[in-house]
Amino acid sequence: MAFDSVTELPADGYIPTTFAADTANVAIGKWYDYSMWSHLLTSRHHVYAIRSRTGQLAKLEILAYYCREVGAACYTIRYKQARPRMRSTGGVRVN
């Protein structure tokens, strides 16, 4: 799904990041394809819904793993914070 076509993010279902010697999040663990010929990682261009520690929602796409000046492990990402959706329920506004 294209980044710009993602217009709504889910309110729940987020998987917390595991902090350890090798910090990981299983939800985005396979964001890349690996080439046995070139030994390079390339993005699958998946769009992920993420929730910050404070509860802010955003969409995220990992574009690249390499930078010309730095080399490997230099991520290029695209993200956009989601605006909180407000709905009216009998005159009381809730998130």
PDB file of N, CA and C in Angstrom:
ATOM      1  N   MET A   1       0.848  -1.169   0.000  1.00  0.00           N
ATOM      2  CA  MET A   1       0.000   0.000   0.000  1.00  0.00           C
ATOM      3  C   MET A   1       0.899   1.239   0.000  1.00  0.00           C
ATOM      4  N   ALA A   2       0.578   2.188  -0.830  1.00  0.00           N
ATOM      5  CA  ALA A   2       1.389   3.401  -0.937  1.00  0.00           C
ATOM      6  C   ALA A   2       1.247   4.284   0.303  1.00  0.00           C
ATOM      7  N   PHE A   3       2.340   4.940   0.673  1.00  0.00           N
ATOM      8  CA  PHE A   3       2.375   5.768   1.877  1.00  0.00           C
ATOM      9  C   PHE A   3       1.240   6.788   1.895  1.00  0.00           C
ATOM     10  N   ASP A   4       1.059   7.510   0.810  1.00  0.00           N
ATOM     11  CA  ASP A   4       0.044   8.561   0.770  1.00  0.00           C
ATOM     12  C   ASP A   4      -1.381   8.030   0.787  1.00  0.00           C
ATOM     13  N   SER A   5      -1.566   6.756   0.466  1.00  0.00           N
ATOM     14  CA  SER A   5      -2.917   6.195   0.476  1.00  0.00           C
ATOM     15  C   SER A   5      -3.368   5.762   1.873  1.00  0.00           C
ATOM     16  N   VAL A   6      -2.443   5.719   2.826  1.00  0.00           N
ATOM     17  CA  VAL A   6      -2.809   5.392   4.209  1.00  0.00           C
ATOM     18  C   VAL A   6      -3.324   6.668   4.866  1.00  0.00           C
ATOM     19  N   THR A   7      -4.636   6.701   5.116  1.00  0.00           N
ATOM     20  CA  THR A   7      -5.251   7.922   5.645  1.00  0.00           C
ATOM     21  C   THR A   7      -5.766   7.768   7.070  1.00  0.00           C
ATOM     22  N   GLU A   8      -5.929   6.528   7.540  1.00  0.00           N
ATOM     23  CA  GLU A   8      -6.398   6.287   8.899  1.00  0.00           C
ATOM     24  C   GLU A   8      -5.521   5.241   9.565  1.00  0.00           C
ATOM     25  N   LEU A   9      -5.310   5.403  10.865  1.00  0.00           N
ATOM     26  CA  LEU A   9      -4.505   4.456  11.639  1.00  0.00           C
ATOM     27  C   LEU A   9      -5.382   3.811  12.694  1.00  0.00           C
ATOM     28  N   PRO A  10      -5.123   2.533  13.009  1.00  0.00           N
ATOM     29  CA  PRO A  10      -5.944   1.858  14.022  1.00  0.00           C
ATOM     30  C   PRO A  10      -5.704   2.428  15.417  1.00  0.00           C
ATOM     31  N   ALA A  11      -6.709   2.334  16.250  1.00  0.00           N
ATOM     32  CA  ALA A  11      -6.606   2.834  17.621  1.00  0.00           C
ATOM     33  C   ALA A  11      -5.876   1.855  18.528  1.00  0.00           C
ATOM     34  N   ASP A  12      -5.880   0.565  18.183  1.00  0.00           N
ATOM     35  CA  ASP A  12      -5.240  -0.429  19.039  1.00  0.00           C
ATOM     36  C   ASP A  12      -4.595  -1.516  18.190  1.00  0.00           C
ATOM     37  N   GLY A  13      -3.995  -2.501  18.863  1.00  0.00           N
ATOM     38  CA  GLY A  13      -3.333  -3.601  18.177  1.00  0.00           C
ATOM     39  C   GLY A  13      -1.839  -3.398  17.982  1.00  0.00           C
ATOM     40  N   TYR A  14      -1.254  -2.434  18.659  1.00  0.00           N
ATOM     41  CA  TYR A  14       0.171  -2.143  18.507  1.00  0.00           C
ATOM     42  C   TYR A  14       1.011  -3.105  19.345  1.00  0.00           C
ATOM     43  N   ILE A  15       2.152  -3.528  18.798  1.00  0.00           N
ATOM     44  CA  ILE A  15       3.050  -4.467  19.465  1.00  0.00           C
ATOM     45  C   ILE A  15       4.204  -3.674  20.069  1.00  0.00           C
ATOM     46  N   PRO A  16       4.424  -3.803  21.391  1.00  0.00           N
ATOM     47  CA  PRO A  16       5.507  -3.032  22.010  1.00  0.00           C
ATOM     48  C   PRO A  16       6.887  -3.513  21.573  1.00  0.00           C
ATOM     49  N   THR A  17       7.827  -2.597  21.558  1.00  0.00           N
ATOM     50  CA  THR A  17       9.217  -2.915  21.248  1.00  0.00           C
ATOM     51  C   THR A  17       9.835  -3.630  22.431  1.00  0.00           C
ATOM     52  N   THR A  18      10.654  -4.639  22.148  1.00  0.00           N
ATOM     53  CA  THR A  18      11.385  -5.368  23.175  1.00  0.00           C
ATOM     54  C   THR A  18      12.769  -4.753  23.299  1.00  0.00           C
ATOM     55  N   PHE A  19      13.083  -4.272  24.503  1.00  0.00           N
ATOM     56  CA  PHE A  19      14.392  -3.662  24.730  1.00  0.00           C
ATOM     57  C   PHE A  19      15.301  -4.685  25.394  1.00  0.00           C
ATOM     58  N   ALA A  20      16.385  -5.023  24.699  1.00  0.00           N
ATOM     59  CA  ALA A  20      17.353  -6.009  25.188  1.00  0.00           C
ATOM     60  C   ALA A  20      18.679  -5.735  24.471  1.00  0.00           C
ATOM     61  N   ALA A  21      19.583  -6.709  24.505  1.00  0.00           N
ATOM     62  CA  ALA A  21      20.870  -6.558  23.828  1.00  0.00           C
ATOM     63  C   ALA A  21      20.657  -6.277  22.337  1.00  0.00           C
ATOM     64  N   ASP A  22      19.602  -6.883  21.751  1.00  0.00           N
ATOM     65  CA  ASP A  22      19.259  -6.664  20.354  1.00  0.00           C
ATOM     66  C   ASP A  22      17.825  -6.138  20.309  1.00  0.00           C
ATOM     67  N   THR A  23      17.654  -4.825  20.455  1.00  0.00           N
ATOM     68  CA  THR A  23      16.331  -4.216  20.494  1.00  0.00           C
ATOM     69  C   THR A  23      15.601  -4.491  19.187  1.00  0.00           C
ATOM     70  N   ALA A  24      14.348  -4.943  19.306  1.00  0.00           N
ATOM     71  CA  ALA A  24      13.603  -5.324  18.104  1.00  0.00           C
ATOM     72  C   ALA A  24      12.107  -5.127  18.312  1.00  0.00           C
ATOM     73  N   ASN A  25      11.407  -5.072  17.217  1.00  0.00           N
ATOM     74  CA  ASN A  25       9.951  -5.075  17.222  1.00  0.00           C
ATOM     75  C   ASN A  25       9.521  -6.036  16.125  1.00  0.00           C
ATOM     76  N   VAL A  26       8.876  -7.121  16.516  1.00  0.00           N
ATOM     77  CA  VAL A  26       8.521  -8.173  15.556  1.00  0.00           C
ATOM     78  C   VAL A  26       7.581  -7.678  14.466  1.00  0.00           C
ATOM     79  N   ALA A  27       6.828  -6.611  14.729  1.00  0.00           N
ATOM     80  CA  ALA A  27       5.882  -6.105  13.737  1.00  0.00           C
ATOM     81  C   ALA A  27       6.583  -5.532  12.505  1.00  0.00           C
ATOM     82  N   ILE A  28       7.785  -4.987  12.675  1.00  0.00           N
ATOM     83  CA  ILE A  28       8.491  -4.408  11.526  1.00  0.00           C
ATOM     84  C   ILE A  28       9.811  -5.113  11.237  1.00  0.00           C
ATOM     85  N   GLY A  29       9.998  -6.286  11.792  1.00  0.00           N
ATOM     86  CA  GLY A  29      11.254  -7.017  11.657  1.00  0.00           C
ATOM     87  C   GLY A  29      11.607  -7.424  10.243  1.00  0.00           C
ATOM     88  N   LYS A  30      10.627  -7.542   9.372  1.00  0.00           N
ATOM     89  CA  LYS A  30      10.901  -7.950   7.989  1.00  0.00           C
ATOM     90  C   LYS A  30      10.541  -6.835   7.015  1.00  0.00           C
ATOM     91  N   TRP A  31      11.057  -5.648   7.246  1.00  0.00           N
ATOM     92  CA  TRP A  31      10.788  -4.489   6.396  1.00  0.00           C
ATOM     93  C   TRP A  31      11.590  -4.527   5.106  1.00  0.00           C
ATOM     94  N   TYR A  32      12.532  -5.461   5.007  1.00  0.00           N
ATOM     95  CA  TYR A  32      13.488  -5.477   3.899  1.00  0.00           C
ATOM     96  C   TYR A  32      13.505  -6.812   3.156  1.00  0.00           C
ATOM     97  N   ASP A  33      14.064  -6.776   1.969  1.00  0.00           N
ATOM     98  CA  ASP A  33      14.445  -7.968   1.211  1.00  0.00           C
ATOM     99  C   ASP A  33      15.965  -8.004   1.197  1.00  0.00           C
ATOM    100  N   TYR A  34      16.524  -9.219   1.247  1.00  0.00           N
ATOM    101  CA  TYR A  34      17.975  -9.372   1.218  1.00  0.00           C
ATOM    102  C   TYR A  34      18.377 -10.088  -0.064  1.00  0.00           C
ATOM    103  N   SER A  35      19.339  -9.528  -0.771  1.00  0.00           N
ATOM    104  CA  SER A  35      19.829 -10.133  -2.002  1.00  0.00           C
ATOM    105  C   SER A  35      21.077 -10.960  -1.718  1.00  0.00           C
ATOM    106  N   MET A  36      21.000 -12.241  -2.040  1.00  0.00           N
ATOM    107  CA  MET A  36      22.175 -13.109  -1.891  1.00  0.00           C
ATOM    108  C   MET A  36      23.254 -12.744  -2.911  1.00  0.00           C
ATOM    109  N   TRP A  37      22.876 -12.124  -4.012  1.00  0.00           N
ATOM    110  CA  TRP A  37      23.842 -11.754  -5.058  1.00  0.00           C
ATOM    111  C   TRP A  37      24.620 -10.504  -4.686  1.00  0.00           C
ATOM    112  N   SER A  38      23.911  -9.478  -4.225  1.00  0.00           N
ATOM    113  CA  SER A  38      24.579  -8.214  -3.919  1.00  0.00           C
ATOM    114  C   SER A  38      24.884  -8.057  -2.435  1.00  0.00           C
ATOM    115  N   HIS A  39      24.253  -8.880  -1.601  1.00  0.00           N
ATOM    116  CA  HIS A  39      24.370  -8.786  -0.142  1.00  0.00           C
ATOM    117  C   HIS A  39      23.889  -7.434   0.376  1.00  0.00           C
ATOM    118  N   LEU A  40      22.861  -6.898  -0.277  1.00  0.00           N
ATOM    119  CA  LEU A  40      22.291  -5.615   0.116  1.00  0.00           C
ATOM    120  C   LEU A  40      20.842  -5.786   0.584  1.00  0.00           C
ATOM    121  N   LEU A  41      20.448  -4.902   1.498  1.00  0.00           N
ATOM    122  CA  LEU A  41      19.066  -4.846   1.959  1.00  0.00           C
ATOM    123  C   LEU A  41      18.326  -3.809   1.128  1.00  0.00           C
ATOM    124  N   THR A  42      17.111  -4.142   0.710  1.00  0.00           N
ATOM    125  CA  THR A  42      16.258  -3.174   0.016  1.00  0.00           C
ATOM    126  C   THR A  42      14.894  -3.154   0.691  1.00  0.00           C
ATOM    127  N   SER A  43      14.316  -1.988   0.753  1.00  0.00           N
ATOM    128  CA  SER A  43      13.037  -1.816   1.430  1.00  0.00           C
ATOM    129  C   SER A  43      11.908  -2.515   0.684  1.00  0.00           C
ATOM    130  N   ARG A  44      10.986  -3.096   1.440  1.00  0.00           N
ATOM    131  CA  ARG A  44       9.760  -3.641   0.866  1.00  0.00           C
ATOM    132  C   ARG A  44       8.695  -2.552   0.733  1.00  0.00           C
ATOM    133  N   HIS A  45       9.000  -1.364   1.245  1.00  0.00           N
ATOM    134  CA  HIS A  45       8.118  -0.198   1.185  1.00  0.00           C
ATOM    135  C   HIS A  45       6.766  -0.458   1.841  1.00  0.00           C
ATOM    136  N   HIS A  46       6.794  -1.219   2.922  1.00  0.00           N
ATOM    137  CA  HIS A  46       5.584  -1.387   3.722  1.00  0.00           C
ATOM    138  C   HIS A  46       5.364  -0.123   4.542  1.00  0.00           C
ATOM    139  N   VAL A  47       4.109   0.195   4.800  1.00  0.00           N
ATOM    140  CA  VAL A  47       3.767   1.341   5.635  1.00  0.00           C
ATOM    141  C   VAL A  47       3.281   0.789   6.968  1.00  0.00           C
ATOM    142  N   TYR A  48       3.890   1.259   8.054  1.00  0.00           N
ATOM    143  CA  TYR A  48       3.573   0.773   9.389  1.00  0.00           C
ATOM    144  C   TYR A  48       2.885   1.863  10.198  1.00  0.00           C
ATOM    145  N   ALA A  49       1.905   1.459  10.987  1.00  0.00           N
ATOM    146  CA  ALA A  49       1.291   2.359  11.963  1.00  0.00           C
ATOM    147  C   ALA A  49       2.079   2.170  13.251  1.00  0.00           C
ATOM    148  N   ILE A  50       2.550   3.269  13.825  1.00  0.00           N
ATOM    149  CA  ILE A  50       3.321   3.184  15.065  1.00  0.00           C
ATOM    150  C   ILE A  50       2.689   4.078  16.123  1.00  0.00           C
ATOM    151  N   ARG A  51       2.908   3.702  17.374  1.00  0.00           N
ATOM    152  CA  ARG A  51       2.424   4.500  18.510  1.00  0.00           C
ATOM    153  C   ARG A  51       3.612   4.822  19.391  1.00  0.00           C
ATOM    154  N   SER A  52       3.786   6.083  19.720  1.00  0.00           N
ATOM    155  CA  SER A  52       4.907   6.496  20.561  1.00  0.00           C
ATOM    156  C   SER A  52       4.635   6.140  22.022  1.00  0.00           C
ATOM    157  N   ARG A  53       5.640   6.307  22.833  1.00  0.00           N
ATOM    158  CA  ARG A  53       5.508   6.060  24.268  1.00  0.00           C
ATOM    159  C   ARG A  53       4.412   6.920  24.894  1.00  0.00           C
ATOM    160  N   THR A  54       4.197   8.111  24.314  1.00  0.00           N
ATOM    161  CA  THR A  54       3.178   9.024  24.849  1.00  0.00           C
ATOM    162  C   THR A  54       1.807   8.800  24.219  1.00  0.00           C
ATOM    163  N   GLY A  55       1.707   7.850  23.293  1.00  0.00           N
ATOM    164  CA  GLY A  55       0.420   7.531  22.680  1.00  0.00           C
ATOM    165  C   GLY A  55       0.160   8.203  21.346  1.00  0.00           C
ATOM    166  N   GLN A  56       1.105   9.017  20.860  1.00  0.00           N
ATOM    167  CA  GLN A  56       0.948   9.674  19.561  1.00  0.00           C
ATOM    168  C   GLN A  56       1.043   8.631  18.453  1.00  0.00           C
ATOM    169  N   LEU A  57       0.151   8.710  17.469  1.00  0.00           N
ATOM    170  CA  LEU A  57       0.154   7.777  16.344  1.00  0.00           C
ATOM    171  C   LEU A  57       0.814   8.414  15.134  1.00  0.00           C
ATOM    172  N   ALA A  58       1.473   7.577  14.336  1.00  0.00           N
ATOM    173  CA  ALA A  58       2.110   8.043  13.105  1.00  0.00           C
ATOM    174  C   ALA A  58       2.188   6.880  12.133  1.00  0.00           C
ATOM    175  N   LYS A  59       2.345   7.204  10.860  1.00  0.00           N
ATOM    176  CA  LYS A  59       2.640   6.170   9.871  1.00  0.00           C
ATOM    177  C   LYS A  59       4.114   6.305   9.505  1.00  0.00           C
ATOM    178  N   LEU A  60       4.751   5.181   9.206  1.00  0.00           N
ATOM    179  CA  LEU A  60       6.192   5.124   8.990  1.00  0.00           C
ATOM    180  C   LEU A  60       6.499   4.214   7.818  1.00  0.00           C
ATOM    181  N   GLU A  61       7.432   4.642   6.987  1.00  0.00           N
ATOM    182  CA  GLU A  61       7.946   3.801   5.908  1.00  0.00           C
ATOM    183  C   GLU A  61       9.465   3.883   5.936  1.00  0.00           C
ATOM    184  N   ILE A  62      10.130   2.748   5.914  1.00  0.00           N
ATOM    185  CA  ILE A  62      11.593   2.714   5.826  1.00  0.00           C
ATOM    186  C   ILE A  62      11.933   2.708   4.341  1.00  0.00           C
ATOM    187  N   LEU A  63      12.621   3.741   3.894  1.00  0.00           N
ATOM    188  CA  LEU A  63      12.935   3.894   2.476  1.00  0.00           C
ATOM    189  C   LEU A  63      14.255   3.244   2.090  1.00  0.00           C
ATOM    190  N   ALA A  64      15.252   3.364   2.960  1.00  0.00           N
ATOM    191  CA  ALA A  64      16.574   2.834   2.619  1.00  0.00           C
ATOM    192  C   ALA A  64      17.378   2.536   3.879  1.00  0.00           C
ATOM    193  N   TYR A  65      18.363   1.674   3.730  1.00  0.00           N
ATOM    194  CA  TYR A  65      19.241   1.264   4.819  1.00  0.00           C
ATOM    195  C   TYR A  65      20.651   1.824   4.645  1.00  0.00           C
ATOM    196  N   TYR A  66      20.936   2.357   3.481  1.00  0.00           N
ATOM    197  CA  TYR A  66      22.281   2.841   3.175  1.00  0.00           C
ATOM    198  C   TYR A  66      22.248   4.327   2.828  1.00  0.00           C
ATOM    199  N   CYS A  67      23.308   5.044   3.216  1.00  0.00           N
ATOM    200  CA  CYS A  67      23.492   6.442   2.831  1.00  0.00           C
ATOM    201  C   CYS A  67      24.827   6.557   2.110  1.00  0.00           C
ATOM    202  N   ARG A  68      24.880   7.378   1.124  1.00  0.00           N
ATOM    203  CA  ARG A  68      26.096   7.523   0.316  1.00  0.00           C
ATOM    204  C   ARG A  68      27.296   7.910   1.170  1.00  0.00           C
ATOM    205  N   GLU A  69      27.128   8.870   2.091  1.00  0.00           N
ATOM    206  CA  GLU A  69      28.248   9.374   2.878  1.00  0.00           C
ATOM    207  C   GLU A  69      28.628   8.469   4.048  1.00  0.00           C
ATOM    208  N   VAL A  70      27.649   7.713   4.570  1.00  0.00           N
ATOM    209  CA  VAL A  70      27.873   6.947   5.793  1.00  0.00           C
ATOM    210  C   VAL A  70      28.018   5.453   5.532  1.00  0.00           C
ATOM    211  N   GLY A  71      27.219   4.922   4.639  1.00  0.00           N
ATOM    212  CA  GLY A  71      27.233   3.492   4.360  1.00  0.00           C
ATOM    213  C   GLY A  71      26.039   2.807   4.995  1.00  0.00           C
ATOM    214  N   ALA A  72      26.269   1.617   5.548  1.00  0.00           N
ATOM    215  CA  ALA A  72      25.195   0.797   6.121  1.00  0.00           C
ATOM    216  C   ALA A  72      24.703   1.347   7.457  1.00  0.00           C
ATOM    217  N   ALA A  73      23.498   0.929   7.808  1.00  0.00           N
ATOM    218  CA  ALA A  73      22.847   1.290   9.079  1.00  0.00           C
ATOM    219  C   ALA A  73      22.574   2.782   9.183  1.00  0.00           C
ATOM    220  N   CYS A  74      22.358   3.419   8.059  1.00  0.00           N
ATOM    221  CA  CYS A  74      21.994   4.830   7.993  1.00  0.00           C
ATOM    222  C   CYS A  74      20.602   4.876   7.357  1.00  0.00           C
ATOM    223  N   TYR A  75      19.587   4.755   8.200  1.00  0.00           N
ATOM    224  CA  TYR A  75      18.211   4.632   7.706  1.00  0.00           C
ATOM    225  C   TYR A  75      17.690   5.942   7.125  1.00  0.00           C
ATOM    226  N   THR A  76      16.970   5.821   6.025  1.00  0.00           N
ATOM    227  CA  THR A  76      16.184   6.923   5.486  1.00  0.00           C
ATOM    228  C   THR A  76      14.727   6.510   5.661  1.00  0.00           C
ATOM    229  N   ILE A  77      13.977   7.332   6.402  1.00  0.00           N
ATOM    230  CA  ILE A  77      12.587   7.002   6.682  1.00  0.00           C
ATOM    231  C   ILE A  77      11.678   8.141   6.246  1.00  0.00           C
ATOM    232  N   ARG A  78      10.411   7.806   6.131  1.00  0.00           N
ATOM    233  CA  ARG A  78       9.375   8.808   5.906  1.00  0.00           C
ATOM    234  C   ARG A  78       8.302   8.527   6.947  1.00  0.00           C
ATOM    235  N   TYR A  79       7.844   9.579   7.624  1.00  0.00           N
ATOM    236  CA  TYR A  79       6.781   9.400   8.604  1.00  0.00           C
ATOM    237  C   TYR A  79       5.888  10.626   8.625  1.00  0.00           C
ATOM    238  N   LYS A  80       4.696  10.423   9.128  1.00  0.00           N
ATOM    239  CA  LYS A  80       3.755  11.516   9.277  1.00  0.00           C
ATOM    240  C   LYS A  80       2.911  11.241  10.508  1.00  0.00           C
ATOM    241  N   GLN A  81       2.896  12.223  11.417  1.00  0.00           N
ATOM    242  CA  GLN A  81       2.076  12.076  12.619  1.00  0.00           C
ATOM    243  C   GLN A  81       0.611  12.167  12.250  1.00  0.00           C
ATOM    244  N   ALA A  82      -0.188  11.356  12.939  1.00  0.00           N
ATOM    245  CA  ALA A  82      -1.630  11.370  12.721  1.00  0.00           C
ATOM    246  C   ALA A  82      -2.269  12.385  13.647  1.00  0.00           C
ATOM    247  N   ARG A  83      -3.255  13.082  13.142  1.00  0.00           N
ATOM    248  CA  ARG A  83      -4.012  14.001  13.983  1.00  0.00           C
ATOM    249  C   ARG A  83      -5.021  13.188  14.775  1.00  0.00           C
ATOM    250  N   PRO A  84      -5.216  13.522  16.046  1.00  0.00           N
ATOM    251  CA  PRO A  84      -6.234  12.805  16.817  1.00  0.00           C
ATOM    252  C   PRO A  84      -7.607  13.012  16.183  1.00  0.00           C
ATOM    253  N   ARG A  85      -8.360  11.938  16.059  1.00  0.00           N
ATOM    254  CA  ARG A  85      -9.710  12.024  15.516  1.00  0.00           C
ATOM    255  C   ARG A  85     -10.670  12.272  16.662  1.00  0.00           C
ATOM    256  N   MET A  86     -11.479  13.281  16.517  1.00  0.00           N
ATOM    257  CA  MET A  86     -12.475  13.602  17.533  1.00  0.00           C
ATOM    258  C   MET A  86     -13.841  13.227  16.985  1.00  0.00           C
ATOM    259  N   ARG A  87     -14.667  12.628  17.822  1.00  0.00           N
ATOM    260  CA  ARG A  87     -16.038  12.332  17.417  1.00  0.00           C
ATOM    261  C   ARG A  87     -16.980  12.818  18.498  1.00  0.00           C
ATOM    262  N   SER A  88     -18.160  13.166  18.093  1.00  0.00           N
ATOM    263  CA  SER A  88     -19.141  13.698  19.029  1.00  0.00           C
ATOM    264  C   SER A  88     -20.058  12.577  19.506  1.00  0.00           C
ATOM    265  N   THR A  89     -20.249  12.495  20.833  1.00  0.00           N
ATOM    266  CA  THR A  89     -21.157  11.521  21.413  1.00  0.00           C
ATOM    267  C   THR A  89     -22.072  12.240  22.389  1.00  0.00           C
ATOM    268  N   GLY A  90     -23.219  12.704  21.885  1.00  0.00           N
ATOM    269  CA  GLY A  90     -24.189  13.361  22.752  1.00  0.00           C
ATOM    270  C   GLY A  90     -23.706  14.666  23.340  1.00  0.00           C
ATOM    271  N   GLY A  91     -22.915  15.406  22.598  1.00  0.00           N
ATOM    272  CA  GLY A  91     -22.444  16.681  23.084  1.00  0.00           C
ATOM    273  C   GLY A  91     -21.130  16.623  23.832  1.00  0.00           C
ATOM    274  N   VAL A  92     -20.645  15.419  24.155  1.00  0.00           N
ATOM    275  CA  VAL A  92     -19.360  15.245  24.840  1.00  0.00           C
ATOM    276  C   VAL A  92     -18.341  14.797  23.806  1.00  0.00           C
ATOM    277  N   ARG A  93     -17.253  15.526  23.684  1.00  0.00           N
ATOM    278  CA  ARG A  93     -16.215  15.159  22.719  1.00  0.00           C
ATOM    279  C   ARG A  93     -15.229  14.200  23.363  1.00  0.00           C
ATOM    280  N   VAL A  94     -14.949  13.121  22.654  1.00  0.00           N
ATOM    281  CA  VAL A  94     -13.978  12.128  23.144  1.00  0.00           C
ATOM    282  C   VAL A  94     -13.006  11.807  22.033  1.00  0.00           C
ATOM    283  N   ASN A  95     -11.807  11.361  22.414  1.00  0.00           N
ATOM    284  CA  ASN A  95     -10.826  10.904  21.429  1.00  0.00           C
ATOM    285  C   ASN A  95     -11.202   9.545  20.941  1.00  0.00           C
TER     286      ASN A  95
END
